[in-house]
Structure formats: structure tokens, C-alpha cells
PDB file of all heavy atoms in Angstrom:
ATOM      1  N   ALA A   1      99.276 110.230 102.987  1.00  0.00           N
ATOM      2  CA  ALA A   1      99.528 109.111 102.070  1.00  0.00           C
ATOM      3  C   ALA A   1      99.415 109.561 100.618  1.00  0.00           C
ATOM      4  O   ALA A   1     100.200 109.136  99.756  1.00  0.00           O
ATOM      5  CB  ALA A   1      98.537 107.978 102.343  1.00  0.00           C
ATOM      6  N   THR A   2      98.475 110.444 100.342  1.00  0.00           N
ATOM      7  CA  THR A   2      98.290 110.947  98.980  1.00  0.00           C
ATOM      8  C   THR A   2      99.455 111.845  98.562  1.00  0.00           C
ATOM      9  O   THR A   2      99.987 111.721  97.455  1.00  0.00           O
ATOM     10  CB  THR A   2      96.954 111.716  98.871  1.00  0.00           C
ATOM     11  OG1 THR A   2      95.891 110.885  99.361  1.00  0.00           O
ATOM     12  CG2 THR A   2      96.661 112.087  97.428  1.00  0.00           C
ATOM     13  N   VAL A   3      99.867 112.731  99.458  1.00  0.00           N
ATOM     14  CA  VAL A   3     101.010 113.611  99.184  1.00  0.00           C
ATOM     15  C   VAL A   3     102.272 112.783  98.950  1.00  0.00           C
ATOM     16  O   VAL A   3     103.077 113.072  98.060  1.00  0.00           O
ATOM     17  CB  VAL A   3     101.219 114.611 100.342  1.00  0.00           C
ATOM     18  CG1 VAL A   3     102.546 115.352 100.180  1.00  0.00           C
ATOM     19  CG2 VAL A   3     100.063 115.605 100.412  1.00  0.00           C
ATOM     20  N   ALA A   4     102.434 111.718  99.745  1.00  0.00           N
ATOM     21  CA  ALA A   4     103.656 110.906  99.698  1.00  0.00           C
ATOM     22  C   ALA A   4     103.838 110.166  98.374  1.00  0.00           C
ATOM     23  O   ALA A   4     104.943 109.715  98.064  1.00  0.00           O
ATOM     24  CB  ALA A   4     103.667 109.903 100.848  1.00  0.00           C
ATOM     25  N   THR A   5     102.772 110.063  97.563  1.00  0.00           N
ATOM     26  CA  THR A   5     102.924 109.405  96.262  1.00  0.00           C
ATOM     27  C   THR A   5     103.757 110.244  95.282  1.00  0.00           C
ATOM     28  O   THR A   5     104.299 109.713  94.313  1.00  0.00           O
ATOM     29  CB  THR A   5     101.545 109.139  95.614  1.00  0.00           C
ATOM     30  OG1 THR A   5     100.904 110.386  95.314  1.00  0.00           O
ATOM     31  CG2 THR A   5     100.671 108.285  96.521  1.00  0.00           C
ATOM     32  N   ASN A   6     103.821 111.561  95.526  1.00  0.00           N
ATOM     33  CA  ASN A   6     104.562 112.483  94.637  1.00  0.00           C
ATOM     34  C   ASN A   6     104.067 112.440  93.193  1.00  0.00           C
ATOM     35  O   ASN A   6     104.831 112.645  92.250  1.00  0.00           O
ATOM     36  CB  ASN A   6     106.075 112.179  94.662  1.00  0.00           C
ATOM     37  CG  ASN A   6     106.694 112.509  96.009  1.00  0.00           C
ATOM     38  OD1 ASN A   6     106.466 113.584  96.559  1.00  0.00           O
ATOM     39  ND2 ASN A   6     107.463 111.580  96.548  1.00  0.00           N
ATOM     40  N   LEU A   7     102.774 112.193  93.028  1.00  0.00           N
ATOM     41  CA  LEU A   7     102.197 112.097  91.688  1.00  0.00           C
ATOM     42  C   LEU A   7     101.482 113.369  91.247  1.00  0.00           C
ATOM     43  O   LEU A   7     101.137 113.504  90.072  1.00  0.00           O
ATOM     44  CB  LEU A   7     101.190 110.939  91.634  1.00  0.00           C
ATOM     45  CG  LEU A   7     101.737 109.524  91.784  1.00  0.00           C
ATOM     46  CD1 LEU A   7     100.593 108.524  91.868  1.00  0.00           C
ATOM     47  CD2 LEU A   7     102.648 109.185  90.610  1.00  0.00           C
ATOM     48  N   PHE A   8     101.270 114.299  92.187  1.00  0.00           N
ATOM     49  CA  PHE A   8     100.336 115.384  91.925  1.00  0.00           C
ATOM     50  C   PHE A   8     100.971 116.769  91.996  1.00  0.00           C
ATOM     51  O   PHE A   8     101.848 117.024  92.822  1.00  0.00           O
ATOM     52  CB  PHE A   8      99.158 115.306  92.911  1.00  0.00           C
ATOM     53  CG  PHE A   8      98.450 113.992  92.870  1.00  0.00           C
ATOM     54  CD1 PHE A   8      98.564 113.077  93.913  1.00  0.00           C
ATOM     55  CD2 PHE A   8      97.688 113.643  91.766  1.00  0.00           C
ATOM     56  CE1 PHE A   8      97.927 111.863  93.860  1.00  0.00           C
ATOM     57  CE2 PHE A   8      97.044 112.421  91.710  1.00  0.00           C
ATOM     58  CZ  PHE A   8      97.163 111.524  92.749  1.00  0.00           C
ATOM     59  N   TYR A   9     100.462 117.639  91.130  1.00  0.00           N
ATOM     60  CA  TYR A   9     100.844 119.045  91.167  1.00  0.00           C
ATOM     61  C   TYR A   9     100.415 119.656  92.496  1.00  0.00           C
ATOM     62  O   TYR A   9     101.093 120.526  93.040  1.00  0.00           O
ATOM     63  CB  TYR A   9     100.173 119.768  89.990  1.00  0.00           C
ATOM     64  CG  TYR A   9     100.390 121.252  89.960  1.00  0.00           C
ATOM     65  CD1 TYR A   9     101.579 121.800  89.459  1.00  0.00           C
ATOM     66  CD2 TYR A   9      99.401 122.123  90.416  1.00  0.00           C
ATOM     67  CE1 TYR A   9     101.774 123.161  89.430  1.00  0.00           C
ATOM     68  CE2 TYR A   9      99.588 123.490  90.385  1.00  0.00           C
ATOM     69  CZ  TYR A   9     100.778 124.005  89.895  1.00  0.00           C
ATOM     70  OH  TYR A   9     100.972 125.367  89.865  1.00  0.00           O
ATOM     71  N   ASP A  10      99.266 119.202  93.035  1.00  0.00           N
ATOM     72  CA  ASP A  10      98.770 119.696  94.314  1.00  0.00           C
ATOM     73  C   ASP A  10      97.845 118.648  94.920  1.00  0.00           C
ATOM     74  O   ASP A  10      97.227 117.856  94.192  1.00  0.00           O
ATOM     75  CB  ASP A  10      98.003 121.002  94.117  1.00  0.00           C
ATOM     76  CG  ASP A  10      98.257 122.017  95.229  1.00  0.00           C
ATOM     77  OD1 ASP A  10      98.795 121.605  96.285  1.00  0.00           O
ATOM     78  OD2 ASP A  10      97.951 123.204  95.047  1.00  0.00           O
ATOM     79  N   VAL A  11      97.746 118.648  96.251  1.00  0.00           N
ATOM     80  CA  VAL A  11      96.798 117.800  96.983  1.00  0.00           C
ATOM     81  C   VAL A  11      96.043 118.702  97.958  1.00  0.00           C
ATOM     82  O   VAL A  11      96.659 119.420  98.752  1.00  0.00           O
ATOM     83  CB  VAL A  11      97.498 116.669  97.765  1.00  0.00           C
ATOM     84  CG1 VAL A  11      96.475 115.842  98.544  1.00  0.00           C
ATOM     85  CG2 VAL A  11      98.308 115.784  96.829  1.00  0.00           C
ATOM     86  N   ILE A  12      94.708 118.684  97.877  1.00  0.00           N
ATOM     87  CA  ILE A  12      93.885 119.597  98.672  1.00  0.00           C
ATOM     88  C   ILE A  12      92.715 118.830  99.279  1.00  0.00           C
ATOM     89  O   ILE A  12      92.015 118.090  98.575  1.00  0.00           O
ATOM     90  CB  ILE A  12      93.335 120.749  97.810  1.00  0.00           C
ATOM     91  CG1 ILE A  12      94.471 121.481  97.081  1.00  0.00           C
ATOM     92  CG2 ILE A  12      92.536 121.734  98.658  1.00  0.00           C
ATOM     93  CD1 ILE A  12      93.994 122.412  95.987  1.00  0.00           C
ATOM     94  N   VAL A  13      92.485 119.026 100.566  1.00  0.00           N
ATOM     95  CA  VAL A  13      91.275 118.516 101.225  1.00  0.00           C
ATOM     96  C   VAL A  13      90.185 119.573 101.058  1.00  0.00           C
ATOM     97  O   VAL A  13      90.414 120.760 101.330  1.00  0.00           O
ATOM     98  CB  VAL A  13      91.526 118.232 102.719  1.00  0.00           C
ATOM     99  CG1 VAL A  13      90.205 117.916 103.429  1.00  0.00           C
ATOM    100  CG2 VAL A  13      92.506 117.081 102.883  1.00  0.00           C
ATOM    101  N   VAL A  14      89.015 119.163 100.596  1.00  0.00           N
ATOM    102  CA  VAL A  14      87.889 120.089 100.468  1.00  0.00           C
ATOM    103  C   VAL A  14      86.770 119.590 101.376  1.00  0.00           C
ATOM    104  O   VAL A  14      86.345 118.439 101.295  1.00  0.00           O
ATOM    105  CB  VAL A  14      87.440 120.247  98.996  1.00  0.00           C
ATOM    106  CG1 VAL A  14      87.097 118.913  98.370  1.00  0.00           C
ATOM    107  CG2 VAL A  14      86.284 121.220  98.886  1.00  0.00           C
ATOM    108  N   THR A  15      86.311 120.468 102.288  1.00  0.00           N
ATOM    109  CA  THR A  15      85.466 120.022 103.385  1.00  0.00           C
ATOM    110  C   THR A  15      84.393 121.038 103.750  1.00  0.00           C
ATOM    111  O   THR A  15      84.505 122.231 103.417  1.00  0.00           O
ATOM    112  CB  THR A  15      86.338 119.719 104.628  1.00  0.00           C
ATOM    113  OG1 THR A  15      85.514 119.224 105.680  1.00  0.00           O
ATOM    114  CG2 THR A  15      87.073 120.969 105.094  1.00  0.00           C
ATOM    115  N   ASP A  16      83.367 120.554 104.438  1.00  0.00           N
ATOM    116  CA  ASP A  16      82.329 121.433 104.981  1.00  0.00           C
ATOM    117  C   ASP A  16      82.546 121.685 106.474  1.00  0.00           C
ATOM    118  O   ASP A  16      81.731 122.323 107.124  1.00  0.00           O
ATOM    119  CB  ASP A  16      80.944 120.803 104.779  1.00  0.00           C
ATOM    120  CG  ASP A  16      80.808 119.449 105.470  1.00  0.00           C
ATOM    121  OD1 ASP A  16      81.811 118.927 106.016  1.00  0.00           O
ATOM    122  OD2 ASP A  16      79.695 118.885 105.475  1.00  0.00           O
ATOM    123  N   SER A  17      83.641 121.185 107.007  1.00  0.00           N
ATOM    124  CA  SER A  17      83.873 121.188 108.450  1.00  0.00           C
ATOM    125  C   SER A  17      85.100 122.013 108.832  1.00  0.00           C
ATOM    126  O   SER A  17      86.206 121.746 108.340  1.00  0.00           O
ATOM    127  CB  SER A  17      84.050 119.744 108.942  1.00  0.00           C
ATOM    128  OG  SER A  17      84.594 119.712 110.236  1.00  0.00           O
ATOM    129  N   SER A  18      84.917 122.963 109.722  1.00  0.00           N
ATOM    130  CA  SER A  18      86.059 123.741 110.215  1.00  0.00           C
ATOM    131  C   SER A  18      86.997 122.861 111.031  1.00  0.00           C
ATOM    132  O   SER A  18      88.206 123.118 111.096  1.00  0.00           O
ATOM    133  CB  SER A  18      85.573 124.922 111.054  1.00  0.00           C
ATOM    134  OG  SER A  18      84.806 124.478 112.162  1.00  0.00           O
ATOM    135  N   ILE A  19      86.466 121.814 111.642  1.00  0.00           N
ATOM    136  CA  ILE A  19      87.294 120.885 112.422  1.00  0.00           C
ATOM    137  C   ILE A  19      88.298 120.190 111.498  1.00  0.00           C
ATOM    138  O   ILE A  19      89.498 120.123 111.783  1.00  0.00           O
ATOM    139  CB  ILE A  19      86.416 119.843 113.145  1.00  0.00           C
ATOM    140  CG1 ILE A  19      85.523 120.533 114.188  1.00  0.00           C
ATOM    141  CG2 ILE A  19      87.275 118.765 113.813  1.00  0.00           C
ATOM    142  CD1 ILE A  19      84.479 119.613 114.798  1.00  0.00           C
ATOM    143  N   ILE A  20      87.803 119.663 110.369  1.00  0.00           N
ATOM    144  CA  ILE A  20      88.678 118.981 109.412  1.00  0.00           C
ATOM    145  C   ILE A  20      89.619 119.983 108.738  1.00  0.00           C
ATOM    146  O   ILE A  20      90.808 119.712 108.563  1.00  0.00           O
ATOM    147  CB  ILE A  20      87.837 118.214 108.378  1.00  0.00           C
ATOM    148  CG1 ILE A  20      87.146 117.017 109.062  1.00  0.00           C
ATOM    149  CG2 ILE A  20      88.695 117.741 107.207  1.00  0.00           C
ATOM    150  CD1 ILE A  20      86.176 116.270 108.183  1.00  0.00           C
ATOM    151  N   TYR A  21      89.097 121.138 108.371  1.00  0.00           N
ATOM    152  CA  TYR A  21      89.927 122.186 107.749  1.00  0.00           C
ATOM    153  C   TYR A  21      91.112 122.523 108.652  1.00  0.00           C
ATOM    154  O   TYR A  21      92.269 122.546 108.212  1.00  0.00           O
ATOM    155  CB  TYR A  21      89.079 123.427 107.492  1.00  0.00           C
ATOM    156  CG  TYR A  21      89.861 124.597 106.932  1.00  0.00           C
ATOM    157  CD1 TYR A  21      90.031 124.759 105.556  1.00  0.00           C
ATOM    158  CD2 TYR A  21      90.434 125.549 107.783  1.00  0.00           C
ATOM    159  CE1 TYR A  21      90.756 125.828 105.048  1.00  0.00           C
ATOM    160  CE2 TYR A  21      91.160 126.612 107.283  1.00  0.00           C
ATOM    161  CZ  TYR A  21      91.316 126.750 105.917  1.00  0.00           C
ATOM    162  OH  TYR A  21      92.040 127.810 105.426  1.00  0.00           O
ATOM    163  N   ASN A  22      90.831 122.762 109.921  1.00  0.00           N
ATOM    164  CA  ASN A  22      91.902 123.126 110.864  1.00  0.00           C
ATOM    165  C   ASN A  22      92.870 121.978 111.091  1.00  0.00           C
ATOM    166  O   ASN A  22      94.079 122.197 111.264  1.00  0.00           O
ATOM    167  CB  ASN A  22      91.296 123.576 112.194  1.00  0.00           C
ATOM    168  CG  ASN A  22      90.583 124.912 112.080  1.00  0.00           C
ATOM    169  OD1 ASN A  22      90.929 125.742 111.240  1.00  0.00           O
ATOM    170  ND2 ASN A  22      89.580 125.124 112.912  1.00  0.00           N
ATOM    171  N   GLU A  23      92.367 120.753 111.079  1.00  0.00           N
ATOM    172  CA  GLU A  23      93.225 119.582 111.259  1.00  0.00           C
ATOM    173  C   GLU A  23      94.287 119.518 110.169  1.00  0.00           C
ATOM    174  O   GLU A  23      95.465 119.250 110.433  1.00  0.00           O
ATOM    175  CB  GLU A  23      92.370 118.306 111.247  1.00  0.00           C
ATOM    176  CG  GLU A  23      93.146 117.000 111.207  1.00  0.00           C
ATOM    177  CD  GLU A  23      93.832 116.645 112.517  1.00  0.00           C
ATOM    178  OE1 GLU A  23      93.773 117.457 113.474  1.00  0.00           O
ATOM    179  OE2 GLU A  23      94.429 115.550 112.586  1.00  0.00           O
ATOM    180  N   ILE A  24      93.883 119.768 108.944  1.00  0.00           N
ATOM    181  CA  ILE A  24      94.826 119.701 107.823  1.00  0.00           C
ATOM    182  C   ILE A  24      95.762 120.906 107.819  1.00  0.00           C
ATOM    183  O   ILE A  24      96.992 120.755 107.745  1.00  0.00           O
ATOM    184  CB  ILE A  24      94.064 119.609 106.484  1.00  0.00           C
ATOM    185  CG1 ILE A  24      93.229 118.325 106.424  1.00  0.00           C
ATOM    186  CG2 ILE A  24      95.043 119.672 105.309  1.00  0.00           C
ATOM    187  CD1 ILE A  24      94.009 117.043 106.560  1.00  0.00           C
ATOM    188  N   VAL A  25      95.209 122.093 107.921  1.00  0.00           N
ATOM    189  CA  VAL A  25      96.019 123.315 107.841  1.00  0.00           C
ATOM    190  C   VAL A  25      96.999 123.416 109.008  1.00  0.00           C
ATOM    191  O   VAL A  25      98.168 123.799 108.826  1.00  0.00           O
ATOM    192  CB  VAL A  25      95.106 124.556 107.778  1.00  0.00           C
ATOM    193  CG1 VAL A  25      95.914 125.841 107.908  1.00  0.00           C
ATOM    194  CG2 VAL A  25      94.320 124.560 106.473  1.00  0.00           C
ATOM    195  N   ASN A  26      96.548 123.045 110.185  1.00  0.00           N
ATOM    196  CA  ASN A  26      97.420 123.127 111.370  1.00  0.00           C
ATOM    197  C   ASN A  26      98.554 122.110 111.335  1.00  0.00           C
ATOM    198  O   ASN A  26      99.514 122.216 112.106  1.00  0.00           O
ATOM    199  CB  ASN A  26      96.608 122.958 112.655  1.00  0.00           C
ATOM    200  CG  ASN A  26      95.687 124.137 112.918  1.00  0.00           C
ATOM    201  OD1 ASN A  26      95.876 125.216 112.355  1.00  0.00           O
ATOM    202  ND2 ASN A  26      94.674 123.940 113.758  1.00  0.00           N
ATOM    203  N   ASN A  27      98.424 121.129 110.449  1.00  0.00           N
ATOM    204  CA  ASN A  27      99.494 120.140 110.278  1.00  0.00           C
ATOM    205  C   ASN A  27     100.264 120.358 108.972  1.00  0.00           C
ATOM    206  O   ASN A  27     100.908 119.443 108.458  1.00  0.00           O
ATOM    207  CB  ASN A  27      98.912 118.726 110.337  1.00  0.00           C
ATOM    208  CG  ASN A  27      98.588 118.294 111.759  1.00  0.00           C
ATOM    209  OD1 ASN A  27      99.480 117.933 112.518  1.00  0.00           O
ATOM    210  ND2 ASN A  27      97.305 118.365 112.117  1.00  0.00           N
ATOM    211  N   GLY A  28     100.188 121.580 108.449  1.00  0.00           N
ATOM    212  CA  GLY A  28     100.993 121.945 107.291  1.00  0.00           C
ATOM    213  C   GLY A  28     100.428 121.562 105.946  1.00  0.00           C
ATOM    214  O   GLY A  28     101.130 121.668 104.924  1.00  0.00           O
ATOM    215  N   GLY A  29      99.163 121.134 105.909  1.00  0.00           N
ATOM    216  CA  GLY A  29      98.560 120.718 104.650  1.00  0.00           C
ATOM    217  C   GLY A  29      97.717 121.803 104.012  1.00  0.00           C
ATOM    218  O   GLY A  29      97.603 122.915 104.538  1.00  0.00           O
ATOM    219  N   LYS A  30      97.110 121.470 102.864  1.00  0.00           N
ATOM    220  CA  LYS A  30      96.252 122.403 102.139  1.00  0.00           C
ATOM    221  C   LYS A  30      94.798 121.943 102.225  1.00  0.00           C
ATOM    222  O   LYS A  30      94.500 120.755 102.036  1.00  0.00           O
ATOM    223  CB  LYS A  30      96.670 122.491 100.673  1.00  0.00           C
ATOM    224  CG  LYS A  30      98.006 123.170 100.457  1.00  0.00           C
ATOM    225  CD  LYS A  30      98.250 123.402  98.974  1.00  0.00           C
ATOM    226  CE  LYS A  30      99.555 124.148  98.742  1.00  0.00           C
ATOM    227  NZ  LYS A  30      99.785 124.434  97.301  1.00  0.00           N
ATOM    228  N   ALA A  31      93.908 122.904 102.493  1.00  0.00           N
ATOM    229  CA  ALA A  31      92.484 122.590 102.594  1.00  0.00           C
ATOM    230  C   ALA A  31      91.655 123.766 102.106  1.00  0.00           C
ATOM    231  O   ALA A  31      92.126 124.908 102.096  1.00  0.00           O
ATOM    232  CB  ALA A  31      92.105 122.249 104.031  1.00  0.00           C
ATOM    233  N   MET A  32      90.424 123.457 101.662  1.00  0.00           N
ATOM    234  CA  MET A  32      89.466 124.467 101.227  1.00  0.00           C
ATOM    235  C   MET A  32      88.136 124.182 101.893  1.00  0.00           C
ATOM    236  O   MET A  32      87.774 123.018 102.102  1.00  0.00           O
ATOM    237  CB  MET A  32      89.268 124.432  99.701  1.00  0.00           C
ATOM    238  CG  MET A  32      90.502 124.736  98.883  1.00  0.00           C
ATOM    239  SD  MET A  32      90.219 124.409  97.109  1.00  0.00           S
ATOM    240  CE  MET A  32      88.900 125.570  96.747  1.00  0.00           C
ATOM    241  N   MET A  33      87.393 125.243 102.206  1.00  0.00           N
ATOM    242  CA  MET A  33      86.036 125.088 102.716  1.00  0.00           C
ATOM    243  C   MET A  33      85.051 125.145 101.555  1.00  0.00           C
ATOM    244  O   MET A  33      85.150 126.001 100.676  1.00  0.00           O
ATOM    245  CB  MET A  33      85.711 126.199 103.715  1.00  0.00           C
ATOM    246  CG  MET A  33      86.431 126.087 105.047  1.00  0.00           C
ATOM    247  SD  MET A  33      85.879 124.679 106.065  1.00  0.00           S
ATOM    248  CE  MET A  33      84.185 125.146 106.421  1.00  0.00           C
ATOM    249  N   SER A  34      84.094 124.228 101.538  1.00  0.00           N
ATOM    250  CA  SER A  34      83.027 124.273 100.542  1.00  0.00           C
ATOM    251  C   SER A  34      82.159 125.505 100.775  1.00  0.00           C
ATOM    252  O   SER A  34      81.940 125.918 101.920  1.00  0.00           O
ATOM    253  CB  SER A  34      82.159 123.018 100.628  1.00  0.00           C
ATOM    254  OG  SER A  34      82.905 121.877 100.282  1.00  0.00           O
ATOM    255  N   ILE A  35      81.661 126.057  99.669  1.00  0.00           N
ATOM    256  CA  ILE A  35      80.788 127.219  99.772  1.00  0.00           C
ATOM    257  C   ILE A  35      79.340 126.789  99.980  1.00  0.00           C
ATOM    258  O   ILE A  35      78.611 127.361 100.781  1.00  0.00           O
ATOM    259  CB  ILE A  35      80.909 128.082  98.497  1.00  0.00           C
ATOM    260  CG1 ILE A  35      82.354 128.581  98.340  1.00  0.00           C
ATOM    261  CG2 ILE A  35      79.942 129.272  98.537  1.00  0.00           C
ATOM    262  CD1 ILE A  35      82.636 129.212  96.995  1.00  0.00           C
ATOM    263  N   LYS A  36      78.928 125.726  99.251  1.00  0.00           N
ATOM    264  CA  LYS A  36      77.548 125.242  99.318  1.00  0.00           C
ATOM    265  C   LYS A  36      77.484 123.915 100.061  1.00  0.00           C
ATOM    266  O   LYS A  36      78.498 123.259 100.287  1.00  0.00           O
ATOM    267  CB  LYS A  36      76.989 125.051  97.900  1.00  0.00           C
ATOM    268  CG  LYS A  36      77.025 126.297  97.036  1.00  0.00           C
ATOM    269  CD  LYS A  36      76.565 125.940  95.627  1.00  0.00           C
ATOM    270  CE  LYS A  36      76.682 127.119  94.679  1.00  0.00           C
ATOM    271  NZ  LYS A  36      76.333 126.736  93.283  1.00  0.00           N
ATOM    272  N   GLU A  37      76.251 123.496 100.386  1.00  0.00           N
ATOM    273  CA  GLU A  37      76.018 122.146 100.885  1.00  0.00           C
ATOM    274  C   GLU A  37      76.026 121.186  99.701  1.00  0.00           C
ATOM    275  O   GLU A  37      75.511 121.520  98.626  1.00  0.00           O
ATOM    276  CB  GLU A  37      74.666 122.061 101.599  1.00  0.00           C
ATOM    277  CG  GLU A  37      74.625 122.786 102.931  1.00  0.00           C
ATOM    278  CD  GLU A  37      75.495 122.108 103.970  1.00  0.00           C
ATOM    279  OE1 GLU A  37      75.537 120.860 103.989  1.00  0.00           O
ATOM    280  OE2 GLU A  37      76.137 122.820 104.761  1.00  0.00           O
ATOM    281  N   HIS A  38      76.595 119.996  99.882  1.00  0.00           N
ATOM    282  CA  HIS A  38      76.682 119.046  98.774  1.00  0.00           C
ATOM    283  C   HIS A  38      76.232 117.660  99.219  1.00  0.00           C
ATOM    284  O   HIS A  38      76.477 117.243 100.354  1.00  0.00           O
ATOM    285  CB  HIS A  38      78.118 118.972  98.245  1.00  0.00           C
ATOM    286  CG  HIS A  38      78.597 120.253  97.648  1.00  0.00           C
ATOM    287  ND1 HIS A  38      78.113 120.750  96.460  1.00  0.00           N
ATOM    288  CD2 HIS A  38      79.503 121.160  98.094  1.00  0.00           C
ATOM    289  CE1 HIS A  38      78.709 121.893  96.185  1.00  0.00           C
ATOM    290  NE2 HIS A  38      79.554 122.177  97.155  1.00  0.00           N
ATOM    291  N   GLU A  39      75.582 116.947  98.259  1.00  0.00           N
ATOM    292  CA  GLU A  39      75.095 115.598  98.529  1.00  0.00           C
ATOM    293  C   GLU A  39      76.204 114.552  98.409  1.00  0.00           C
ATOM    294  O   GLU A  39      76.126 113.497  99.008  1.00  0.00           O
ATOM    295  CB  GLU A  39      73.967 115.251  97.546  1.00  0.00           C
ATOM    296  CG  GLU A  39      72.671 116.004  97.787  1.00  0.00           C
ATOM    297  CD  GLU A  39      71.980 115.570  99.064  1.00  0.00           C
ATOM    298  OE1 GLU A  39      72.050 114.376  99.401  1.00  0.00           O
ATOM    299  OE2 GLU A  39      71.386 116.430  99.723  1.00  0.00           O
ATOM    300  N   CYS A  40      77.227 114.837  97.597  1.00  0.00           N
ATOM    301  CA  CYS A  40      78.249 113.817  97.353  1.00  0.00           C
ATOM    302  C   CYS A  40      79.606 114.472  97.141  1.00  0.00           C
ATOM    303  O   CYS A  40      79.724 115.687  96.919  1.00  0.00           O
ATOM    304  CB  CYS A  40      77.877 112.959  96.143  1.00  0.00           C
ATOM    305  SG  CYS A  40      77.881 113.866  94.579  1.00  0.00           S
ATOM    306  N   GLY A  41      80.639 113.640  97.183  1.00  0.00           N
ATOM    307  CA  GLY A  41      82.008 114.113  97.064  1.00  0.00           C
ATOM    308  C   GLY A  41      82.312 114.722  95.705  1.00  0.00           C
ATOM    309  O   GLY A  41      83.064 115.700  95.602  1.00  0.00           O
TER     310      GLY A  41
END
């Protein structure tokens, strides 16, 4: 839904979960793994 707005230079999911990372990447999207633990988004 975010990509479909065509408003952004890039759209990236940033996550602490390999499950979520793989879900996005395996469906042709862009994702990054967090390096540290974080309390909030």
C-alpha cells in the first residue's frame, strides 16, 4: 500500500525479525535488519 502511493524515492521495511525480512524480500520488496535492539519504531 505504501509503495502504491508512488510518493517515495524508496520504501523499506526495517525489522528485528528474519521472518518479516524474508516475507518482504521474497515478495520482491526491500527490507533491512536492525543491528541493535530497540524500544520503539
